Amino acid sequence: MNGQAIIEQLETRRKELGMTDEAFARLLGISRPLWSQLRSGRRRLTLAVLRRILRTFPDWEEAVLALLREEA
């Protein structure tokens, strides 16, 4: 799984939850501009952002680990 696939899954989850970009970014513990940059591909997922994703969605551990293995 690549970083863009995780972003796409996050966007799907945001829509399922009926959240605005700002509210979803706050849920993840990141800024709205950073969320926007991640979605558009202008920024890559960092380890710090991946940690925040796992804190918010612990069931995504396998997807995040697959990404880390792929990038190693």
Protein backbone atom coordinates (compact mmCIF):
# COMPACT_ATOMS: atom_id res chain seq x y z
CA MET A 1 0.00 0.00 0.00
CA ASN A 2 1.34 3.43 -0.83
CA GLY A 3 0.87 6.75 0.92
CA GLN A 4 -1.68 7.99 -1.58
CA ALA A 5 -3.83 4.91 -0.93
CA ILE A 6 -3.85 5.71 2.78
CA ILE A 7 -4.83 9.32 2.03
CA GLU A 8 -7.67 8.06 -0.19
CA GLN A 9 -8.86 5.78 2.62
CA LEU A 10 -8.71 8.70 5.05
CA GLU A 11 -10.77 10.81 2.66
CA THR A 12 -13.33 8.01 2.41
CA ARG A 13 -13.47 7.79 6.21
CA ARG A 14 -13.88 11.58 6.47
CA LYS A 15 -16.88 11.42 4.13
CA GLU A 16 -18.36 8.43 6.00
CA LEU A 17 -18.12 10.41 9.23
CA GLY A 18 -19.69 13.44 7.55
CA MET A 19 -16.88 15.68 8.70
CA THR A 20 -15.51 18.85 7.15
CA ASP A 21 -11.84 18.97 6.22
CA GLU A 22 -11.19 21.19 9.21
CA ALA A 23 -12.97 18.90 11.67
CA PHE A 24 -11.25 15.81 10.26
CA ALA A 25 -7.83 17.45 10.44
CA ARG A 26 -8.54 18.37 14.07
CA LEU A 27 -9.57 14.74 14.75
CA LEU A 28 -6.23 13.57 13.34
CA GLY A 29 -4.35 16.23 15.30
CA ILE A 30 -2.99 18.02 12.24
CA SER A 31 -3.71 21.40 10.68
CA ARG A 32 -6.27 21.84 7.94
CA PRO A 33 -3.62 23.18 5.53
CA LEU A 34 -1.49 20.08 6.13
CA TRP A 35 -4.51 17.83 5.50
CA SER A 36 -5.19 19.72 2.27
CA GLN A 37 -1.55 19.35 1.17
CA LEU A 38 -1.58 15.62 1.93
CA ARG A 39 -4.79 15.13 -0.04
CA SER A 40 -3.46 17.02 -3.05
CA GLY A 41 -0.12 15.17 -3.00
CA ARG A 42 1.92 18.31 -2.32
CA ARG A 43 3.15 16.76 0.95
CA ARG A 44 4.03 13.18 1.76
CA LEU A 45 2.99 11.28 4.84
CA THR A 46 5.58 11.62 7.58
CA LEU A 47 6.17 9.33 10.50
CA ALA A 48 4.59 11.93 12.80
CA VAL A 49 1.40 12.01 10.70
CA LEU A 50 1.31 8.21 10.52
CA ARG A 51 1.49 8.10 14.33
CA ARG A 52 -1.46 10.47 14.54
CA ILE A 53 -3.42 8.34 12.08
CA LEU A 54 -2.78 5.25 14.21
CA ARG A 55 -3.82 7.05 17.38
CA THR A 56 -7.08 8.02 15.70
CA PHE A 57 -7.65 4.78 13.79
CA PRO A 58 -5.77 1.95 15.55
CA ASP A 59 -7.37 -0.60 13.22
CA TRP A 60 -5.21 0.81 10.38
CA GLU A 61 -2.04 -0.64 11.86
CA GLU A 62 -1.56 -3.23 9.09
CA ALA A 63 -1.93 -0.63 6.31
CA VAL A 64 0.54 1.73 7.98
CA LEU A 65 3.04 -1.06 8.61
CA ALA A 66 2.74 -2.15 4.96
CA LEU A 67 3.52 1.40 3.87
CA LEU A 68 6.55 1.58 6.17
CA ARG A 69 7.84 -1.77 4.89
CA GLU A 70 7.37 -0.61 1.31
CA GLU A 71 9.34 2.58 1.90
CA ALA A 72 12.15 0.87 3.83
